[in-house]
Amino acid sequence: MAIEAVLFDFSGTLFRLEPDETWADLVGADGKPLDRSQQAAILDRMTRPVGESAVFDAAGQLAWERRDLDPAMHRTAYHEVLRQAGLPTPALIERLYDWMLDPLVWTPYPDTGTVLKSLAAQDIPVAVVSNIAFDIRPAFAANGWDRLVAAHTLSFEVGAVKPDPRIFLAAVEQLGARPESTLMVGDSAVADGGAVAAGCGFALVDPLPTVERAEGLLEVLRRHELA
């Protein structure tokens, strides 16, 4: 395919949520500091693109299913996820949830800036397409990349959640592109792969820790003769 536009997922694709120094005093239900495996398990629950991260009652299930469309539902769902993950107090749950919603704590993959700049130099417009209930634009602005992203198509703003084709078509329309000439890059074959039903191409990346995936995005560009 001749690529005229590229769509990127956010979590696990361009950026990743990873523990920082503020996790040092977090404790589990046993009162002991969280070890690395416990931290990894909590982060997996918080960022899993598909499937369920907890067992919910009827109200909680509704909140989970609508979490990426409604910020209030998002808070309700993830508070329960963190409670079931073993955080022992409401204060710790609220603290970690608020940390998750801070776009400035998300870590960019090492090649994110290089890839965005390369596409901009080729006059290939970029949109970020994310199932999310908070504004991630500050993460790009903080790195000086806001001018490199033509559109942010966020589920809670457009009213559609991946893999619904409507969210991808909304992004394509924002870029003034054609689906058949647009590539979607993401870490979930189920969620991000929904772009195929919208007529777009799709490339999968592995949501590894940022220190373990130095050129995953660049490899996608190379495979599609964009780098």
C-alpha atoms as a PDB file:
ATOM      1  CA  MET A   1       0.000   0.000   0.000  1.00  0.00           C
ATOM      2  CA  ALA A   2       1.112   3.561  -0.716  1.00  0.00           C
ATOM      3  CA  ILE A   3       0.916   5.159   2.726  1.00  0.00           C
ATOM      4  CA  GLU A   4      -0.351   8.735   2.899  1.00  0.00           C
ATOM      5  CA  ALA A   5      -1.143   8.894   6.644  1.00  0.00           C
ATOM      6  CA  VAL A   6      -0.264   6.992   9.819  1.00  0.00           C
ATOM      7  CA  LEU A   7      -2.353   6.388  12.944  1.00  0.00           C
ATOM      8  CA  PHE A   8      -0.671   5.424  16.209  1.00  0.00           C
ATOM      9  CA  ASP A   9      -2.040   3.939  19.395  1.00  0.00           C
ATOM     10  CA  PHE A  10      -0.813   5.642  22.576  1.00  0.00           C
ATOM     11  CA  SER A  11      -0.331   3.146  25.442  1.00  0.00           C
ATOM     12  CA  GLY A  12       2.158   0.404  24.637  1.00  0.00           C
ATOM     13  CA  THR A  13       2.893   1.921  21.247  1.00  0.00           C
ATOM     14  CA  LEU A  14       4.196   5.488  21.515  1.00  0.00           C
ATOM     15  CA  PHE A  15       4.314   5.725  25.323  1.00  0.00           C
ATOM     16  CA  ARG A  16       4.226   3.265  28.198  1.00  0.00           C
ATOM     17  CA  LEU A  17       3.123   3.569  31.830  1.00  0.00           C
ATOM     18  CA  GLU A  18       6.056   2.495  34.002  1.00  0.00           C
ATOM     19  CA  PRO A  19       6.847   2.780  37.742  1.00  0.00           C
ATOM     20  CA  ASP A  20       8.832   5.816  38.838  1.00  0.00           C
ATOM     21  CA  GLU A  21      10.324   7.083  42.099  1.00  0.00           C
ATOM     22  CA  THR A  22       6.847   7.827  43.502  1.00  0.00           C
ATOM     23  CA  TRP A  23       6.212   4.065  43.753  1.00  0.00           C
ATOM     24  CA  ALA A  24       8.966   3.627  46.359  1.00  0.00           C
ATOM     25  CA  ASP A  25       6.611   3.849  49.346  1.00  0.00           C
ATOM     26  CA  LEU A  26       3.630   2.019  47.856  1.00  0.00           C
ATOM     27  CA  VAL A  27       2.646  -1.037  49.882  1.00  0.00           C
ATOM     28  CA  GLY A  28       0.438  -4.025  49.276  1.00  0.00           C
ATOM     29  CA  ALA A  29      -2.212  -5.652  51.448  1.00  0.00           C
ATOM     30  CA  ASP A  30       0.526  -7.195  53.603  1.00  0.00           C
ATOM     31  CA  GLY A  31       1.961  -3.766  54.423  1.00  0.00           C
ATOM     32  CA  LYS A  32       5.207  -4.524  52.604  1.00  0.00           C
ATOM     33  CA  PRO A  33       6.620  -2.473  49.702  1.00  0.00           C
ATOM     34  CA  LEU A  34       5.485  -3.709  46.296  1.00  0.00           C
ATOM     35  CA  ASP A  35       8.118  -5.847  44.609  1.00  0.00           C
ATOM     36  CA  ARG A  36       8.768  -5.720  40.860  1.00  0.00           C
ATOM     37  CA  SER A  37       6.399  -8.549  40.025  1.00  0.00           C
ATOM     38  CA  GLN A  38       3.600  -6.898  42.008  1.00  0.00           C
ATOM     39  CA  GLN A  39       4.276  -3.569  40.301  1.00  0.00           C
ATOM     40  CA  ALA A  40       4.228  -5.247  36.886  1.00  0.00           C
ATOM     41  CA  ALA A  41       0.942  -6.995  37.690  1.00  0.00           C
ATOM     42  CA  ILE A  42      -0.703  -3.735  38.729  1.00  0.00           C
ATOM     43  CA  LEU A  43       0.509  -1.941  35.611  1.00  0.00           C
ATOM     44  CA  ASP A  44      -0.758  -4.784  33.452  1.00  0.00           C
ATOM     45  CA  ARG A  45      -4.197  -4.430  35.013  1.00  0.00           C
ATOM     46  CA  MET A  46      -4.120  -0.655  34.468  1.00  0.00           C
ATOM     47  CA  THR A  47      -3.066  -0.733  30.813  1.00  0.00           C
ATOM     48  CA  ARG A  48      -4.440  -4.003  29.400  1.00  0.00           C
ATOM     49  CA  PRO A  49      -5.953  -3.045  26.004  1.00  0.00           C
ATOM     50  CA  VAL A  50      -8.584  -5.812  25.877  1.00  0.00           C
ATOM     51  CA  GLY A  51     -10.186  -8.233  28.313  1.00  0.00           C
ATOM     52  CA  GLU A  52     -11.133  -7.572  31.918  1.00  0.00           C
ATOM     53  CA  SER A  53      -8.762  -6.541  34.700  1.00  0.00           C
ATOM     54  CA  ALA A  54     -11.041  -7.443  37.623  1.00  0.00           C
ATOM     55  CA  VAL A  55     -14.239  -9.272  38.573  1.00  0.00           C
ATOM     56  CA  PHE A  56     -17.113  -6.777  38.652  1.00  0.00           C
ATOM     57  CA  ASP A  57     -20.664  -6.640  39.932  1.00  0.00           C
ATOM     58  CA  ALA A  58     -23.345  -5.352  37.540  1.00  0.00           C
ATOM     59  CA  ALA A  59     -22.614  -1.681  38.187  1.00  0.00           C
ATOM     60  CA  GLY A  60     -18.887  -2.236  37.978  1.00  0.00           C
ATOM     61  CA  GLN A  61     -19.258  -4.158  34.719  1.00  0.00           C
ATOM     62  CA  LEU A  62     -21.134  -1.240  33.177  1.00  0.00           C
ATOM     63  CA  ALA A  63     -18.408   1.132  34.350  1.00  0.00           C
ATOM     64  CA  TRP A  64     -15.739  -1.131  32.876  1.00  0.00           C
ATOM     65  CA  GLU A  65     -17.488  -1.382  29.527  1.00  0.00           C
ATOM     66  CA  ARG A  66     -17.906   2.407  29.308  1.00  0.00           C
ATOM     67  CA  ARG A  67     -14.644   3.402  30.968  1.00  0.00           C
ATOM     68  CA  ASP A  68     -13.071   4.844  27.820  1.00  0.00           C
ATOM     69  CA  LEU A  69     -16.150   6.897  26.972  1.00  0.00           C
ATOM     70  CA  ASP A  70     -16.842   8.518  30.339  1.00  0.00           C
ATOM     71  CA  PRO A  71     -14.227   9.865  32.798  1.00  0.00           C
ATOM     72  CA  ALA A  72     -16.504   9.168  35.781  1.00  0.00           C
ATOM     73  CA  MET A  73     -16.972   5.552  34.671  1.00  0.00           C
ATOM     74  CA  HIS A  74     -13.223   5.283  34.138  1.00  0.00           C
ATOM     75  CA  ARG A  75     -12.560   6.339  37.723  1.00  0.00           C
ATOM     76  CA  THR A  76     -15.130   3.915  39.111  1.00  0.00           C
ATOM     77  CA  ALA A  77     -13.795   0.988  37.083  1.00  0.00           C
ATOM     78  CA  TYR A  78     -10.121   1.528  37.817  1.00  0.00           C
ATOM     79  CA  HIS A  79     -10.639   2.200  41.502  1.00  0.00           C
ATOM     80  CA  GLU A  80     -12.128  -1.297  41.673  1.00  0.00           C
ATOM     81  CA  VAL A  81      -9.292  -2.723  39.567  1.00  0.00           C
ATOM     82  CA  LEU A  82      -6.715  -1.251  41.941  1.00  0.00           C
ATOM     83  CA  ARG A  83      -8.624  -2.450  44.986  1.00  0.00           C
ATOM     84  CA  GLN A  84      -8.628  -5.995  43.634  1.00  0.00           C
ATOM     85  CA  ALA A  85      -4.961  -5.621  42.708  1.00  0.00           C
ATOM     86  CA  GLY A  86      -4.222  -5.419  46.433  1.00  0.00           C
ATOM     87  CA  LEU A  87      -3.791  -1.736  47.245  1.00  0.00           C
ATOM     88  CA  PRO A  88      -4.893  -1.628  50.877  1.00  0.00           C
ATOM     89  CA  THR A  89      -6.424   1.820  51.353  1.00  0.00           C
ATOM     90  CA  PRO A  90      -8.684   4.218  49.422  1.00  0.00           C
ATOM     91  CA  ALA A  91      -5.973   6.874  49.724  1.00  0.00           C
ATOM     92  CA  LEU A  92      -3.401   4.695  47.944  1.00  0.00           C
ATOM     93  CA  ILE A  93      -5.928   3.736  45.284  1.00  0.00           C
ATOM     94  CA  GLU A  94      -6.760   7.378  44.627  1.00  0.00           C
ATOM     95  CA  ARG A  95      -3.093   8.323  44.582  1.00  0.00           C
ATOM     96  CA  LEU A  96      -2.139   5.659  42.027  1.00  0.00           C
ATOM     97  CA  TYR A  97      -5.203   6.351  39.904  1.00  0.00           C
ATOM     98  CA  ASP A  98      -4.406  10.078  39.770  1.00  0.00           C
ATOM     99  CA  TRP A  99      -0.804   9.212  38.868  1.00  0.00           C
ATOM    100  CA  MET A 100      -2.054   7.103  35.966  1.00  0.00           C
ATOM    101  CA  LEU A 101      -4.066  10.052  34.648  1.00  0.00           C
ATOM    102  CA  ASP A 102      -1.070  12.385  34.588  1.00  0.00           C
ATOM    103  CA  PRO A 103       0.115  12.343  30.951  1.00  0.00           C
ATOM    104  CA  LEU A 104       3.511  13.640  32.042  1.00  0.00           C
ATOM    105  CA  VAL A 105       4.407  10.432  33.909  1.00  0.00           C
ATOM    106  CA  TRP A 106       4.039   8.266  30.805  1.00  0.00           C
ATOM    107  CA  THR A 107       7.407   7.237  29.330  1.00  0.00           C
ATOM    108  CA  PRO A 108       7.934   7.588  25.567  1.00  0.00           C
ATOM    109  CA  TYR A 109       9.549   4.752  23.668  1.00  0.00           C
ATOM    110  CA  PRO A 110      13.115   5.628  22.605  1.00  0.00           C
ATOM    111  CA  ASP A 111      12.219   5.959  18.921  1.00  0.00           C
ATOM    112  CA  THR A 112       8.905   7.813  19.280  1.00  0.00           C
ATOM    113  CA  GLY A 113      10.348  11.248  18.575  1.00  0.00           C
ATOM    114  CA  THR A 114      12.489   9.998  15.699  1.00  0.00           C
ATOM    115  CA  VAL A 115       9.519   8.334  14.037  1.00  0.00           C
ATOM    116  CA  LEU A 116       7.225  11.342  14.403  1.00  0.00           C
ATOM    117  CA  LYS A 117       9.900  13.652  13.018  1.00  0.00           C
ATOM    118  CA  SER A 118      10.619  11.304  10.114  1.00  0.00           C
ATOM    119  CA  LEU A 119       6.973  11.182   9.077  1.00  0.00           C
ATOM    120  CA  ALA A 120       6.644  14.953   9.393  1.00  0.00           C
ATOM    121  CA  ALA A 121       9.690  15.412   7.151  1.00  0.00           C
ATOM    122  CA  GLN A 122       7.925  13.269   4.532  1.00  0.00           C
ATOM    123  CA  ASP A 123       4.710  15.309   4.845  1.00  0.00           C
ATOM    124  CA  ILE A 124       2.858  12.227   6.105  1.00  0.00           C
ATOM    125  CA  PRO A 125       0.249  13.352   8.642  1.00  0.00           C
ATOM    126  CA  VAL A 126      -0.100  11.521  11.948  1.00  0.00           C
ATOM    127  CA  ALA A 127      -3.024  10.968  14.303  1.00  0.00           C
ATOM    128  CA  VAL A 128      -2.988   9.334  17.726  1.00  0.00           C
ATOM    129  CA  VAL A 129      -5.982   7.029  18.180  1.00  0.00           C
ATOM    130  CA  SER A 130      -6.540   5.926  21.752  1.00  0.00           C
ATOM    131  CA  ASN A 131      -9.135   4.242  23.934  1.00  0.00           C
ATOM    132  CA  ILE A 132      -8.765   6.610  26.848  1.00  0.00           C
ATOM    133  CA  ALA A 133     -10.765   8.853  29.177  1.00  0.00           C
ATOM    134  CA  PHE A 134      -8.279  11.676  29.746  1.00  0.00           C
ATOM    135  CA  ASP A 135      -6.342  14.141  27.606  1.00  0.00           C
ATOM    136  CA  ILE A 136      -2.928  12.834  26.544  1.00  0.00           C
ATOM    137  CA  ARG A 137      -1.925  15.868  24.469  1.00  0.00           C
ATOM    138  CA  PRO A 138       0.340  17.267  27.241  1.00  0.00           C
ATOM    139  CA  ALA A 139       2.577  14.180  26.934  1.00  0.00           C
ATOM    140  CA  PHE A 140       3.405  15.220  23.378  1.00  0.00           C
ATOM    141  CA  ALA A 141       3.709  18.920  24.173  1.00  0.00           C
ATOM    142  CA  ALA A 142       6.144  18.198  27.007  1.00  0.00           C
ATOM    143  CA  ASN A 143       8.468  16.483  24.532  1.00  0.00           C
ATOM    144  CA  GLY A 144       8.079  19.117  21.832  1.00  0.00           C
ATOM    145  CA  TRP A 145       6.123  16.722  19.610  1.00  0.00           C
ATOM    146  CA  ASP A 146       2.721  18.410  19.630  1.00  0.00           C
ATOM    147  CA  ARG A 147       3.361  20.042  16.249  1.00  0.00           C
ATOM    148  CA  LEU A 148       4.161  16.608  14.790  1.00  0.00           C
ATOM    149  CA  VAL A 149       0.707  15.166  15.553  1.00  0.00           C
ATOM    150  CA  ALA A 150      -2.066  16.533  13.375  1.00  0.00           C
ATOM    151  CA  ALA A 151      -4.934  14.987  15.346  1.00  0.00           C
ATOM    152  CA  HIS A 152      -5.697  13.207  18.606  1.00  0.00           C
ATOM    153  CA  THR A 153      -8.704  10.941  18.160  1.00  0.00           C
ATOM    154  CA  LEU A 154      -9.592   9.963  21.722  1.00  0.00           C
ATOM    155  CA  SER A 155     -12.485   7.638  22.527  1.00  0.00           C
ATOM    156  CA  PHE A 156     -14.016   9.836  25.221  1.00  0.00           C
ATOM    157  CA  GLU A 157     -14.059  12.779  22.819  1.00  0.00           C
ATOM    158  CA  VAL A 158     -15.398  11.054  19.699  1.00  0.00           C
ATOM    159  CA  GLY A 159     -17.777   8.581  21.357  1.00  0.00           C
ATOM    160  CA  ALA A 160     -16.352   5.399  19.837  1.00  0.00           C
ATOM    161  CA  VAL A 161     -13.972   2.775  21.201  1.00  0.00           C
ATOM    162  CA  LYS A 162     -11.533   0.569  19.320  1.00  0.00           C
ATOM    163  CA  PRO A 163     -12.054  -1.826  17.563  1.00  0.00           C
ATOM    164  CA  ASP A 164     -15.156   0.054  16.375  1.00  0.00           C
ATOM    165  CA  PRO A 165     -14.286   1.208  12.822  1.00  0.00           C
ATOM    166  CA  ARG A 166     -15.843   4.597  13.556  1.00  0.00           C
ATOM    167  CA  ILE A 167     -12.916   5.753  15.686  1.00  0.00           C
ATOM    168  CA  PHE A 168     -10.428   4.966  12.911  1.00  0.00           C
ATOM    169  CA  LEU A 169     -12.601   6.583  10.270  1.00  0.00           C
ATOM    170  CA  ALA A 170     -12.874   9.680  12.453  1.00  0.00           C
ATOM    171  CA  ALA A 171      -9.070   9.882  12.616  1.00  0.00           C
ATOM    172  CA  VAL A 172      -8.700   9.374   8.869  1.00  0.00           C
ATOM    173  CA  GLU A 173     -11.237  12.125   8.238  1.00  0.00           C
ATOM    174  CA  GLN A 174      -9.409  14.477  10.606  1.00  0.00           C
ATOM    175  CA  LEU A 175      -6.250  13.932   8.582  1.00  0.00           C
ATOM    176  CA  GLY A 176      -8.002  14.396   5.248  1.00  0.00           C
ATOM    177  CA  ALA A 177      -6.713  10.983   4.196  1.00  0.00           C
ATOM    178  CA  ARG A 178      -8.177   7.805   2.667  1.00  0.00           C
ATOM    179  CA  PRO A 179      -8.501   4.582   4.696  1.00  0.00           C
ATOM    180  CA  GLU A 180      -6.886   2.491   1.985  1.00  0.00           C
ATOM    181  CA  SER A 181      -3.799   4.715   2.151  1.00  0.00           C
ATOM    182  CA  THR A 182      -3.614   4.858   5.961  1.00  0.00           C
ATOM    183  CA  LEU A 183      -1.564   2.622   8.275  1.00  0.00           C
ATOM    184  CA  MET A 184      -2.577   1.965  11.886  1.00  0.00           C
ATOM    185  CA  VAL A 185       0.236   1.031  14.297  1.00  0.00           C
ATOM    186  CA  GLY A 186      -0.638  -0.457  17.682  1.00  0.00           C
ATOM    187  CA  ASP A 187       0.096  -3.098  20.290  1.00  0.00           C
ATOM    188  CA  SER A 188      -3.246  -4.936  20.201  1.00  0.00           C
ATOM    189  CA  ALA A 189      -4.308  -7.071  17.253  1.00  0.00           C
ATOM    190  CA  VAL A 190      -7.857  -7.011  18.642  1.00  0.00           C
ATOM    191  CA  ALA A 191      -8.305  -3.320  19.485  1.00  0.00           C
ATOM    192  CA  ASP A 192      -5.926  -1.604  17.060  1.00  0.00           C
ATOM    193  CA  GLY A 193      -6.428  -4.283  14.441  1.00  0.00           C
ATOM    194  CA  GLY A 194      -9.992  -3.043  14.129  1.00  0.00           C
ATOM    195  CA  ALA A 195      -8.551  -0.520  11.697  1.00  0.00           C
ATOM    196  CA  VAL A 196      -8.616  -3.252   9.051  1.00  0.00           C
ATOM    197  CA  ALA A 197     -12.432  -3.255   9.131  1.00  0.00           C
ATOM    198  CA  ALA A 198     -12.259   0.479   8.430  1.00  0.00           C
ATOM    199  CA  GLY A 199     -10.172  -0.201   5.321  1.00  0.00           C
ATOM    200  CA  CYS A 200      -6.772   0.702   6.796  1.00  0.00           C
ATOM    201  CA  GLY A 201      -3.571  -1.309   6.974  1.00  0.00           C
ATOM    202  CA  PHE A 202      -2.323  -2.512  10.354  1.00  0.00           C
ATOM    203  CA  ALA A 203       1.098  -3.098  11.913  1.00  0.00           C
ATOM    204  CA  LEU A 204       1.585  -4.707  15.335  1.00  0.00           C
ATOM    205  CA  VAL A 205       4.234  -3.682  17.870  1.00  0.00           C
ATOM    206  CA  ASP A 206       5.122  -5.450  21.123  1.00  0.00           C
ATOM    207  CA  PRO A 207       4.298  -3.405  24.280  1.00  0.00           C
ATOM    208  CA  LEU A 208       7.609  -4.263  25.939  1.00  0.00           C
ATOM    209  CA  PRO A 209       9.188  -2.065  28.626  1.00  0.00           C
ATOM    210  CA  THR A 210      10.750   0.989  27.009  1.00  0.00           C
ATOM    211  CA  VAL A 211      14.303  -0.173  27.816  1.00  0.00           C
ATOM    212  CA  GLU A 212      13.648  -3.381  25.888  1.00  0.00           C
ATOM    213  CA  ARG A 213      12.174  -1.896  22.717  1.00  0.00           C
ATOM    214  CA  ALA A 214      14.499   0.667  21.222  1.00  0.00           C
ATOM    215  CA  GLU A 215      13.420   0.555  17.570  1.00  0.00           C
ATOM    216  CA  GLY A 216      10.040  -1.162  17.393  1.00  0.00           C
ATOM    217  CA  LEU A 217       8.407   1.806  15.686  1.00  0.00           C
ATOM    218  CA  LEU A 218      11.328   2.380  13.369  1.00  0.00           C
ATOM    219  CA  GLU A 219      11.128  -1.258  12.304  1.00  0.00           C
ATOM    220  CA  VAL A 220       7.498  -0.715  11.273  1.00  0.00           C
ATOM    221  CA  LEU A 221       8.487   2.289   9.175  1.00  0.00           C
ATOM    222  CA  ARG A 222      11.290   0.328   7.536  1.00  0.00           C
ATOM    223  CA  ARG A 223       8.961  -2.532   6.641  1.00  0.00           C
ATOM    224  CA  HIS A 224       6.655  -0.053   4.942  1.00  0.00           C
ATOM    225  CA  GLU A 225       9.490   1.846   3.240  1.00  0.00           C
ATOM    226  CA  LEU A 226       8.922   4.962   5.338  1.00  0.00           C
ATOM    227  CA  ALA A 227      12.404   5.060   6.900  1.00  0.00           C
END
